[in-house]
Structure formats: C-alpha cells, structure tokens
Amino acid sequence: MRNVARHPDPFSLPRIGRRFFPDFVAKLRDGRLFVVEYKGEHPIGAPEAREKDAIGRICARTTGNVFLMDRRPDHGVDMSGQMRKAL
C-alpha cells in the first residue's frame, strides 16, 4: 500500500526533529511489516537518504519487520528482485 503522509494515520519512523514516511508498507502473512523506501539513482548517496536507510535498518532489526531501501536498479536487480531478496 502506498504510504501517504497526508493520510489520517500514516506509518512513520522517527528522525531527529521530525518523522520519516516510507513510500510503501505491507503487512506480511506472518504479521510482520514490509516497509519500502524508493529512491532513484541520484539521491541514494545523499545524507538524508543514508539517514533514512540507517533508521529503517535499525527499526527492522529491533522489531523483526523488514525494511528495503529500493534502488533503481541495484546492480541489475529490479524492484521485485530486491523485494524477494529482502524477504
């Protein structure tokens, strides 16, 4: 499902001084959340993108959920391939 910040109850992760709203959130059959932040090639190395990736990975590690910072394409692997690999 597309995660829209303007929605009355969006999914967010904490950042210093604000919140981070990943692009997509899905509930897996086993009850875990699969959270995806999509980035094109140009902003992937930007400080904000690196911070969001670190926050997502830490939250996933501590909660048991799954986080993916999707890169377009990542070493020839498309989005669906990256999602399968993350799971």
N, C-alpha and C. Protein backbone atom coordinates (compact mmCIF):
# COMPACT_ATOMS: atom_id res chain seq x y z
N MET A 1 0.85 -1.16 0.00
CA MET A 1 0.00 0.00 0.00
C MET A 1 0.90 1.23 0.00
N ARG A 2 0.53 2.20 -0.74
CA ARG A 2 1.25 3.47 -0.77
C ARG A 2 1.04 4.16 0.57
N ASN A 3 2.10 4.61 1.20
CA ASN A 3 2.06 5.30 2.49
C ASN A 3 2.08 6.80 2.22
N VAL A 4 0.98 7.46 2.49
CA VAL A 4 0.85 8.89 2.20
C VAL A 4 0.87 9.68 3.51
N ALA A 5 1.80 10.61 3.63
CA ALA A 5 1.96 11.39 4.86
C ALA A 5 0.70 12.16 5.22
N ARG A 6 -0.09 12.54 4.23
CA ARG A 6 -1.32 13.32 4.50
C ARG A 6 -2.47 12.45 4.98
N HIS A 7 -2.30 11.13 4.95
CA HIS A 7 -3.35 10.22 5.42
C HIS A 7 -3.57 10.45 6.92
N PRO A 8 -4.78 10.23 7.44
CA PRO A 8 -5.03 10.46 8.87
C PRO A 8 -4.16 9.61 9.80
N ASP A 9 -3.72 8.44 9.34
CA ASP A 9 -2.92 7.56 10.20
C ASP A 9 -1.78 6.91 9.40
N PRO A 10 -0.79 7.71 8.95
CA PRO A 10 0.28 7.14 8.12
C PRO A 10 1.31 6.40 8.97
N PHE A 11 2.04 5.49 8.35
CA PHE A 11 3.14 4.81 9.02
C PHE A 11 4.35 5.73 8.97
N SER A 12 5.04 5.88 10.09
CA SER A 12 6.23 6.72 10.11
C SER A 12 7.31 6.12 11.00
N LEU A 13 8.53 6.54 10.75
CA LEU A 13 9.67 6.18 11.57
C LEU A 13 10.26 7.48 12.12
N PRO A 14 10.86 7.44 13.31
CA PRO A 14 11.38 8.67 13.91
C PRO A 14 12.67 9.14 13.26
N ARG A 15 12.79 10.45 13.14
CA ARG A 15 14.03 11.11 12.74
C ARG A 15 14.28 12.24 13.73
N ILE A 16 15.44 12.77 13.74
CA ILE A 16 15.74 13.88 14.64
C ILE A 16 14.90 15.08 14.22
N GLY A 17 14.02 15.51 15.11
CA GLY A 17 13.21 16.69 14.86
C GLY A 17 12.02 16.52 13.94
N ARG A 18 11.81 15.33 13.40
CA ARG A 18 10.67 15.11 12.50
C ARG A 18 10.44 13.62 12.32
N ARG A 19 9.53 13.28 11.41
CA ARG A 19 9.24 11.87 11.13
C ARG A 19 9.57 11.56 9.67
N PHE A 20 9.76 10.29 9.41
CA PHE A 20 10.10 9.77 8.10
C PHE A 20 8.94 8.87 7.66
N PHE A 21 8.36 9.15 6.50
CA PHE A 21 7.23 8.39 5.97
C PHE A 21 7.69 7.56 4.77
N PRO A 22 8.03 6.28 4.98
CA PRO A 22 8.45 5.43 3.86
C PRO A 22 7.36 5.37 2.79
N ASP A 23 7.76 5.05 1.56
CA ASP A 23 6.83 5.10 0.43
C ASP A 23 5.76 4.01 0.43
N PHE A 24 6.12 2.79 0.84
CA PHE A 24 5.17 1.68 0.80
C PHE A 24 5.24 0.87 2.08
N VAL A 25 4.10 0.35 2.52
CA VAL A 25 4.03 -0.51 3.71
C VAL A 25 3.06 -1.65 3.40
N ALA A 26 3.48 -2.87 3.72
CA ALA A 26 2.62 -4.03 3.53
C ALA A 26 2.69 -4.91 4.77
N LYS A 27 1.58 -5.51 5.11
CA LYS A 27 1.57 -6.47 6.21
C LYS A 27 1.73 -7.87 5.62
N LEU A 28 2.77 -8.57 6.05
CA LEU A 28 3.04 -9.91 5.54
C LEU A 28 2.13 -10.93 6.22
N ARG A 29 2.02 -12.09 5.63
CA ARG A 29 1.15 -13.14 6.19
C ARG A 29 1.54 -13.54 7.60
N ASP A 30 2.83 -13.42 7.93
CA ASP A 30 3.28 -13.79 9.28
C ASP A 30 3.12 -12.65 10.29
N GLY A 31 2.52 -11.52 9.86
CA GLY A 31 2.24 -10.41 10.76
C GLY A 31 3.29 -9.31 10.76
N ARG A 32 4.45 -9.58 10.17
CA ARG A 32 5.49 -8.54 10.11
C ARG A 32 5.11 -7.49 9.08
N LEU A 33 5.71 -6.31 9.22
CA LEU A 33 5.54 -5.26 8.23
C LEU A 33 6.71 -5.29 7.26
N PHE A 34 6.41 -5.04 6.00
CA PHE A 34 7.43 -4.91 4.97
C PHE A 34 7.38 -3.45 4.53
N VAL A 35 8.42 -2.72 4.85
CA VAL A 35 8.48 -1.28 4.62
C VAL A 35 9.48 -0.99 3.51
N VAL A 36 9.06 -0.22 2.51
CA VAL A 36 9.92 0.07 1.35
C VAL A 36 10.03 1.58 1.16
N GLU A 37 11.26 2.05 1.08
CA GLU A 37 11.54 3.43 0.70
C GLU A 37 12.18 3.37 -0.69
N TYR A 38 11.58 4.05 -1.64
CA TYR A 38 12.05 4.01 -3.03
C TYR A 38 12.92 5.23 -3.31
N LYS A 39 14.10 4.98 -3.88
CA LYS A 39 14.99 6.07 -4.28
C LYS A 39 15.49 5.80 -5.69
N GLY A 40 15.51 6.83 -6.50
CA GLY A 40 16.13 6.73 -7.81
C GLY A 40 17.65 6.74 -7.61
N GLU A 41 18.39 6.72 -8.68
CA GLU A 41 19.84 6.64 -8.57
C GLU A 41 20.48 7.90 -8.02
N HIS A 42 19.98 9.06 -8.36
CA HIS A 42 20.68 10.30 -7.97
C HIS A 42 20.69 10.60 -6.48
N PRO A 43 19.60 10.39 -5.70
CA PRO A 43 19.66 10.79 -4.29
C PRO A 43 20.13 9.68 -3.34
N ILE A 44 20.49 8.51 -3.84
CA ILE A 44 20.79 7.39 -2.96
C ILE A 44 21.97 7.66 -2.04
N GLY A 45 22.93 8.45 -2.48
CA GLY A 45 24.09 8.76 -1.64
C GLY A 45 23.93 10.02 -0.82
N ALA A 46 22.81 10.70 -0.96
CA ALA A 46 22.58 11.94 -0.22
C ALA A 46 22.48 11.66 1.27
N PRO A 47 22.91 12.59 2.11
CA PRO A 47 22.87 12.38 3.56
C PRO A 47 21.49 11.98 4.08
N GLU A 48 20.43 12.60 3.57
CA GLU A 48 19.08 12.27 4.04
C GLU A 48 18.72 10.83 3.68
N ALA A 49 19.08 10.39 2.49
CA ALA A 49 18.80 9.01 2.07
C ALA A 49 19.58 8.02 2.93
N ARG A 50 20.83 8.32 3.22
CA ARG A 50 21.63 7.43 4.08
C ARG A 50 21.05 7.36 5.49
N GLU A 51 20.57 8.51 6.00
CA GLU A 51 19.95 8.53 7.33
C GLU A 51 18.67 7.68 7.35
N LYS A 52 17.83 7.82 6.34
CA LYS A 52 16.59 7.04 6.26
C LYS A 52 16.89 5.55 6.17
N ASP A 53 17.91 5.18 5.39
CA ASP A 53 18.29 3.78 5.27
C ASP A 53 18.75 3.24 6.62
N ALA A 54 19.56 4.00 7.33
CA ALA A 54 20.05 3.56 8.64
C ALA A 54 18.90 3.42 9.64
N ILE A 55 17.99 4.38 9.65
CA ILE A 55 16.83 4.33 10.55
C ILE A 55 15.97 3.10 10.24
N GLY A 56 15.69 2.87 8.97
CA GLY A 56 14.87 1.72 8.57
C GLY A 56 15.51 0.40 8.95
N ARG A 57 16.81 0.29 8.74
CA ARG A 57 17.51 -0.96 9.08
C ARG A 57 17.52 -1.20 10.59
N ILE A 58 17.74 -0.15 11.36
CA ILE A 58 17.74 -0.30 12.82
C ILE A 58 16.35 -0.69 13.31
N CYS A 59 15.33 -0.02 12.82
CA CYS A 59 13.95 -0.35 13.23
C CYS A 59 13.60 -1.78 12.84
N ALA A 60 13.99 -2.21 11.65
CA ALA A 60 13.70 -3.58 11.21
C ALA A 60 14.42 -4.58 12.11
N ARG A 61 15.67 -4.31 12.43
CA ARG A 61 16.45 -5.22 13.26
C ARG A 61 15.86 -5.34 14.67
N THR A 62 15.38 -4.24 15.22
CA THR A 62 14.85 -4.26 16.59
C THR A 62 13.41 -4.75 16.69
N THR A 63 12.64 -4.68 15.59
CA THR A 63 11.23 -5.09 15.63
C THR A 63 10.95 -6.42 14.95
N GLY A 64 11.89 -6.88 14.12
CA GLY A 64 11.66 -8.10 13.36
C GLY A 64 10.93 -7.85 12.05
N ASN A 65 10.61 -6.60 11.75
CA ASN A 65 9.98 -6.25 10.49
C ASN A 65 11.04 -6.25 9.38
N VAL A 66 10.64 -5.97 8.16
CA VAL A 66 11.54 -5.97 7.02
C VAL A 66 11.58 -4.56 6.43
N PHE A 67 12.78 -4.04 6.16
CA PHE A 67 12.94 -2.72 5.54
C PHE A 67 13.79 -2.86 4.29
N LEU A 68 13.39 -2.17 3.24
CA LEU A 68 14.15 -2.16 1.99
C LEU A 68 14.26 -0.73 1.49
N MET A 69 15.49 -0.28 1.27
CA MET A 69 15.72 0.98 0.57
C MET A 69 15.93 0.56 -0.88
N ASP A 70 14.88 0.66 -1.67
CA ASP A 70 14.90 0.20 -3.05
C ASP A 70 15.72 1.16 -3.90
N ARG A 71 16.65 0.61 -4.63
CA ARG A 71 17.47 1.39 -5.54
C ARG A 71 17.12 1.00 -6.97
N ARG A 72 17.06 1.95 -7.85
CA ARG A 72 16.59 1.70 -9.21
C ARG A 72 17.70 1.69 -10.22
N PRO A 73 18.02 0.65 -10.91
CA PRO A 73 18.09 -0.72 -10.41
C PRO A 73 19.37 -0.89 -9.60
N ASP A 74 19.41 -1.85 -8.75
CA ASP A 74 20.57 -2.09 -7.88
C ASP A 74 21.38 -3.24 -8.48
N HIS A 75 22.48 -2.92 -9.14
CA HIS A 75 23.35 -3.90 -9.78
C HIS A 75 22.56 -4.83 -10.71
N GLY A 76 21.64 -4.24 -11.48
CA GLY A 76 20.86 -5.00 -12.44
C GLY A 76 19.66 -5.73 -11.86
N VAL A 77 19.43 -5.61 -10.55
CA VAL A 77 18.28 -6.27 -9.92
C VAL A 77 17.14 -5.26 -9.82
N ASP A 78 15.99 -5.60 -10.41
CA ASP A 78 14.84 -4.69 -10.39
C ASP A 78 14.16 -4.69 -9.03
N MET A 79 13.13 -3.87 -8.90
CA MET A 79 12.44 -3.70 -7.61
C MET A 79 11.89 -5.02 -7.07
N SER A 80 11.24 -5.82 -7.91
CA SER A 80 10.67 -7.08 -7.42
C SER A 80 11.78 -8.03 -6.96
N GLY A 81 12.89 -8.04 -7.67
CA GLY A 81 14.03 -8.88 -7.26
C GLY A 81 14.61 -8.42 -5.93
N GLN A 82 14.70 -7.11 -5.74
CA GLN A 82 15.20 -6.58 -4.47
C GLN A 82 14.25 -6.92 -3.33
N MET A 83 12.95 -6.89 -3.60
CA MET A 83 11.96 -7.22 -2.57
C MET A 83 12.06 -8.70 -2.19
N ARG A 84 12.17 -9.57 -3.17
CA ARG A 84 12.33 -11.01 -2.89
C ARG A 84 13.59 -11.25 -2.06
N LYS A 85 14.67 -10.60 -2.42
CA LYS A 85 15.93 -10.77 -1.70
C LYS A 85 15.80 -10.29 -0.25
N ALA A 86 15.08 -9.19 -0.02
CA ALA A 86 14.90 -8.65 1.34
C ALA A 86 14.11 -9.60 2.22
N LEU A 87 13.16 -10.32 1.61
CA LEU A 87 12.34 -11.24 2.38
C LEU A 87 13.10 -12.51 2.67
